[in-house]
Protein backbone atom coordinates (compact mmCIF):
# COMPACT_ATOMS: atom_id res chain seq x y z
CA MET A 1 -220.67 11.23 42.39
CA LYS A 2 -218.25 9.66 44.84
CA THR A 3 -215.69 9.18 42.05
CA LYS A 4 -215.90 12.85 41.06
CA LYS A 5 -215.53 13.93 44.69
CA TYR A 6 -212.58 11.57 45.08
CA MET A 7 -210.87 13.01 42.00
CA LYS A 8 -211.54 16.54 43.19
CA ASP A 9 -209.95 15.75 46.57
CA ILE A 10 -206.89 14.31 44.80
CA LEU A 11 -206.50 17.43 42.66
CA ILE A 12 -206.76 19.67 45.73
CA LEU A 13 -204.15 17.57 47.53
CA LEU A 14 -201.79 17.72 44.54
CA PHE A 15 -202.23 21.49 44.34
CA VAL A 16 -201.44 21.89 48.04
CA LEU A 17 -198.34 19.71 47.73
CA PHE A 18 -196.84 21.12 44.54
CA PHE A 19 -197.89 24.76 44.41
CA PRO A 20 -195.25 25.88 46.98
CA MET A 21 -192.55 24.13 44.92
CA ILE A 22 -193.70 25.88 41.73
CA ALA A 23 -193.85 29.24 43.50
CA ASN A 24 -190.37 28.81 44.97
CA ALA A 25 -188.98 27.84 41.57
CA GLN A 26 -190.45 31.00 40.07
CA ASP A 27 -189.11 33.16 42.90
CA LYS A 28 -185.61 31.67 42.80
CA SER A 29 -183.04 34.25 41.67
CA SER A 30 -180.78 33.72 38.68
CA PHE A 31 -177.91 34.91 40.88
CA SER A 32 -176.12 33.38 43.84
CA PHE A 33 -176.28 34.78 47.37
CA ARG A 34 -172.90 36.46 46.85
CA GLU A 35 -173.96 37.95 43.53
CA VAL A 36 -176.99 39.68 45.02
CA ASN A 37 -175.05 41.04 48.01
CA HIS A 38 -171.67 42.17 46.64
CA ILE A 39 -170.90 44.57 43.80
CA ARG A 40 -167.37 43.31 43.09
CA VAL A 41 -168.29 39.86 41.79
CA ALA A 42 -166.97 38.42 38.53
CA THR A 43 -169.50 37.08 36.06
CA PRO A 44 -169.09 33.29 36.21
CA GLY A 45 -168.20 31.26 33.14
CA LEU A 46 -166.79 34.03 30.96
CA PHE A 47 -163.54 32.11 30.37
CA ALA A 48 -165.22 28.72 30.09
CA LYS A 49 -164.30 28.38 26.41
CA GLY A 50 -160.78 29.79 26.47
CA ASN A 51 -158.25 32.15 28.00
CA HIS A 52 -159.46 35.28 26.25
CA ILE A 53 -162.78 36.94 25.46
CA TYR A 54 -163.81 39.90 23.37
CA LEU A 55 -166.16 42.64 24.46
CA HIS A 56 -167.64 43.92 21.20
CA LEU A 57 -169.14 47.39 21.20
CA ASP A 58 -168.42 48.05 17.54
CA SER A 59 -171.28 45.76 16.45
CA LEU A 60 -174.00 47.32 18.64
CA LYS A 61 -176.93 48.93 16.87
CA GLU A 62 -178.31 52.29 17.96
CA HIS A 63 -181.23 50.80 19.92
CA GLU A 64 -178.89 48.44 21.80
CA TYR A 65 -177.27 51.13 23.97
CA ALA A 66 -178.30 54.36 25.66
CA PHE A 67 -176.68 57.17 27.61
CA PRO A 68 -177.79 56.77 31.27
CA LEU A 69 -178.84 60.41 31.56
CA PRO A 70 -179.45 62.21 28.25
CA GLY A 71 -178.14 65.77 28.50
CA GLY A 72 -176.16 65.08 31.68
CA LYS A 73 -172.58 66.34 32.02
CA VAL A 74 -169.67 64.67 33.83
CA ILE A 75 -168.72 66.66 36.92
CA SER A 76 -166.16 64.21 38.33
CA ALA A 77 -164.26 61.82 36.07
CA TYR A 78 -163.03 58.31 36.72
CA GLY A 79 -159.76 58.10 38.68
CA THR A 80 -160.06 61.52 40.35
CA ARG A 81 -160.33 62.12 44.10
CA GLY A 82 -157.95 59.34 45.07
CA GLY A 83 -159.22 56.57 42.83
CA HIS A 84 -162.82 57.42 41.93
CA SER A 85 -164.28 54.16 40.55
CA GLY A 86 -166.80 55.74 38.19
CA ALA A 87 -167.96 58.94 36.54
CA ASP A 88 -170.30 61.39 38.28
CA ILE A 89 -172.96 62.83 36.00
CA LYS A 90 -174.86 65.92 37.14
CA THR A 91 -178.58 65.37 37.65
CA CYS A 92 -181.56 67.32 38.84
CA ALA A 93 -183.73 65.72 41.49
CA ASN A 94 -185.80 62.87 40.07
CA ASP A 95 -184.26 62.92 36.58
CA THR A 96 -184.95 59.62 34.81
CA ILE A 97 -181.93 57.27 34.82
CA ARG A 98 -181.84 54.69 32.04
CA ALA A 99 -180.12 51.33 31.49
CA ALA A 100 -177.01 51.72 29.34
CA PHE A 101 -177.45 48.28 27.75
CA SER A 102 -179.97 45.46 27.91
CA GLY A 103 -179.47 42.96 30.72
CA LYS A 104 -180.70 41.52 33.99
CA VAL A 105 -180.82 43.49 37.24
CA ARG A 106 -178.42 41.83 39.69
CA MET A 107 -178.72 44.17 42.67
CA VAL A 108 -181.20 46.74 43.99
CA LYS A 109 -179.73 47.86 47.32
CA TYR A 110 -179.16 50.74 49.72
CA GLU A 111 -175.78 51.68 51.20
CA ARG A 112 -175.97 54.59 53.62
CA ARG A 113 -172.26 55.46 53.64
CA GLY A 114 -171.56 54.76 50.00
CA TYR A 115 -173.68 54.34 46.90
CA GLY A 116 -176.97 55.24 48.60
CA LYS A 117 -179.81 53.68 46.63
CA TYR A 118 -178.19 51.88 43.72
CA VAL A 119 -178.83 49.41 40.91
CA VAL A 120 -176.40 46.93 39.31
CA ILE A 121 -177.19 45.45 35.89
CA ARG A 122 -175.37 42.50 34.36
CA HIS A 123 -175.41 42.71 30.58
CA GLU A 124 -175.41 39.85 28.13
CA ASN A 125 -171.74 40.29 27.19
CA GLY A 126 -170.59 40.07 30.84
CA LEU A 127 -170.15 43.82 31.30
CA GLU A 128 -171.88 45.30 34.34
CA THR A 129 -173.06 48.84 35.01
CA VAL A 130 -173.68 50.47 38.39
CA TYR A 131 -176.03 53.42 39.02
CA GLY A 132 -175.61 55.09 42.43
CA HIS A 133 -177.11 57.87 44.61
CA LEU A 134 -180.61 57.34 43.21
CA SER A 135 -183.61 58.88 44.92
CA LYS A 136 -185.76 55.93 43.83
CA GLN A 137 -185.19 52.52 42.27
CA ILE A 138 -187.97 51.45 39.88
CA VAL A 139 -186.74 47.98 38.94
CA ASN A 140 -186.47 44.71 40.87
CA GLU A 141 -183.68 42.20 41.26
CA ASP A 142 -183.71 39.51 38.55
CA GLN A 143 -185.77 41.76 36.25
CA TYR A 144 -184.76 41.96 32.59
CA VAL A 145 -184.46 45.50 31.22
CA GLU A 146 -183.92 46.83 27.73
CA ALA A 147 -181.31 49.44 26.79
CA GLY A 148 -182.78 52.86 27.49
CA GLU A 149 -185.44 51.55 29.86
CA PRO A 150 -185.93 53.67 33.04
CA ILE A 151 -184.40 52.01 36.09
CA GLY A 152 -184.44 54.80 38.69
CA LEU A 153 -184.60 58.49 39.50
CA GLY A 154 -181.61 60.74 40.08
CA GLY A 155 -180.92 61.85 43.61
CA ASN A 156 -178.51 62.50 46.44
CA THR A 157 -178.67 59.39 48.66
CA GLY A 158 -175.70 57.83 50.40
CA ARG A 159 -172.31 59.52 50.56
CA SER A 160 -173.06 62.36 48.18
CA THR A 161 -172.71 66.13 48.10
CA GLY A 162 -175.34 67.21 45.61
CA SER A 163 -177.68 65.49 43.20
CA HIS A 164 -175.75 63.35 40.70
CA LEU A 165 -175.53 59.90 39.17
CA HIS A 166 -172.49 57.82 40.07
CA PHE A 167 -172.04 55.63 36.99
CA GLU A 168 -169.64 52.68 36.91
CA THR A 169 -168.70 50.13 34.29
CA ARG A 170 -167.28 46.85 35.62
CA PHE A 171 -165.95 43.68 34.05
CA LEU A 172 -165.00 40.56 36.00
CA GLY A 173 -165.75 42.49 39.16
CA GLN A 174 -163.19 45.21 38.39
CA ALA A 175 -163.96 48.85 37.69
CA ILE A 176 -162.87 50.14 34.28
CA ASN A 177 -162.95 53.68 32.99
CA PRO A 178 -166.42 54.45 31.55
CA ALA A 179 -164.77 56.95 29.18
CA LEU A 180 -163.26 53.98 27.32
CA LEU A 181 -166.79 52.81 26.51
CA PHE A 182 -168.73 56.09 26.31
CA ASP A 183 -167.96 59.39 24.64
CA PHE A 184 -169.47 61.56 27.35
CA GLU A 185 -169.16 64.77 25.34
CA LYS A 186 -171.09 63.35 22.37
CA GLN A 187 -173.21 61.12 24.65
CA ASP A 188 -172.51 58.18 22.40
CA ILE A 189 -170.77 54.85 22.62
CA VAL A 190 -167.11 54.38 21.66
CA ALA A 191 -167.36 51.95 18.75
CA ASP A 192 -164.44 49.69 19.60
CA SER A 193 -163.83 46.10 20.64
CA TYR A 194 -161.89 45.12 23.75
CA LEU A 195 -159.85 42.02 24.45
CA PHE A 196 -159.53 40.51 27.93
CA ARG A 197 -156.87 37.89 28.57
CA LYS A 198 -156.90 35.58 31.54
CA GLY A 199 -153.74 35.10 33.57
CA ASN A 200 -152.18 36.18 36.86
CA ASN A 201 -155.42 37.99 37.76
CA ARG A 202 -154.74 40.55 35.03
CA TYR A 203 -156.20 41.19 31.63
CA ARG A 204 -153.40 42.04 29.24
CA ARG A 205 -153.02 44.44 26.35
CA ASN A 206 -153.84 43.17 22.90
CA ASN A 207 -151.30 44.41 20.35
CA THR A 208 -152.84 42.88 17.24
CA SER A 209 -155.21 45.72 16.37
CA SER A 210 -155.23 49.47 16.85
CA LYS A 211 -158.91 49.25 17.78
CA ASN A 212 -158.32 46.95 20.71
CA VAL A 213 -157.55 48.63 24.02
CA SER A 214 -156.05 47.18 27.17
CA LEU A 215 -158.34 47.15 30.16
CA MET A 216 -156.01 45.91 32.88
CA ALA A 217 -157.44 45.56 36.35
CA SER A 218 -155.51 45.68 39.60
CA SER A 219 -156.58 43.67 42.62
CA ASP A 220 -158.42 46.59 44.21
CA GLY A 221 -159.96 47.89 40.98
CA THR A 222 -158.04 51.20 41.06
CA ILE A 223 -156.84 51.80 37.52
CA ARG A 224 -156.13 55.02 35.62
CA TYR A 225 -155.83 55.73 31.92
CA HIS A 226 -154.79 58.57 29.66
CA LYS A 227 -156.15 59.08 26.14
CA VAL A 228 -153.36 60.35 23.89
CA ARG A 229 -153.91 63.76 22.31
CA SER A 230 -152.10 65.49 19.49
CA GLY A 231 -148.69 66.66 20.74
CA ASP A 232 -148.54 64.26 23.68
CA THR A 233 -145.22 62.58 24.46
CA LEU A 234 -144.37 59.90 27.02
CA SER A 235 -142.53 62.54 29.04
CA ARG A 236 -145.52 64.89 29.06
CA ILE A 237 -147.97 62.10 29.93
CA ALA A 238 -145.71 60.83 32.74
CA GLN A 239 -145.47 64.32 34.21
CA LYS A 240 -149.21 64.93 33.91
CA THR A 241 -150.19 61.62 35.50
CA GLY A 242 -147.52 61.54 38.20
CA THR A 243 -145.71 58.46 36.98
CA SER A 244 -142.49 57.66 35.10
CA ILE A 245 -141.73 56.91 31.46
CA ASP A 246 -140.38 53.48 32.41
CA ALA A 247 -143.61 52.69 34.28
CA LEU A 248 -145.73 53.74 31.29
CA CYS A 249 -143.65 51.55 28.98
CA LYS A 250 -143.91 48.54 31.28
CA LEU A 251 -147.66 48.92 31.88
CA ASN A 252 -148.43 49.28 28.17
CA HIS A 253 -145.80 46.94 26.66
CA ILE A 254 -144.21 49.72 24.62
CA THR A 255 -140.74 51.28 24.37
CA ARG A 256 -139.46 54.84 24.57
CA ARG A 257 -139.33 54.83 20.76
CA THR A 258 -142.96 53.82 20.27
CA ILE A 259 -144.91 56.37 18.22
CA LEU A 260 -148.03 57.48 20.08
CA ARG A 261 -151.28 57.86 18.14
CA PRO A 262 -153.97 60.44 19.00
CA GLY A 263 -156.87 58.52 20.53
CA GLN A 264 -154.63 55.74 21.84
CA VAL A 265 -155.38 54.81 25.46
CA LEU A 266 -152.48 54.22 27.86
CA ARG A 267 -152.68 52.75 31.32
CA CYS A 268 -150.99 55.02 33.88
CA SER A 269 -151.34 53.08 37.15
């Protein structure tokens, strides 16, 4: 009897000593303090194996992506209003907002003078998506979500003038135009691959394939693009975007004699 009591006391002691360590290990976030408190944080380790990486969207299956708000229409595009860092999609109050791709929730925060209630998801390929002005967040930090899984409800929190979803796509901490990844009119993904090159804090244009698009990021994340349409010329694009032909050529590594293709994406700033 004494031996059994002694063993029981030892087990209780071990439980008291080690349970807090187990609980803390389970509660420990996958992300650093900076990653859970700042939106503009680059995913670590992306260039660990080389100086360039591909972001493949052309190999995604239908169940591996989702439009954040089915039926929603863009009411304010990327780059408008002095450098808008995302696309605003019209919502009704409490519309269900869904994860664009599978990934782990990095941030669930509130910013009174900005995003309001927002969620940031880091996806398995290093891309991140931001969902702002929510009325309610229904996921937790460090939670894994599947593409199309509800993550919040549409709303009007933060710096907002009417119910809408502020939707951003970010890579390496920099905002990129969501229209390069999503066809908002068809509410589908743009089936392309994208090449990012490391060097001088910029990610340079890949000229080896017509399906690879430059996603260059400036230090403050303010970048603007123009998708070439039938009849467009460098002169017309320069006039429309408020830049010069020489600037367009330099930014996109082309010449004045380069033939523009409909659907081609040019960086304008």
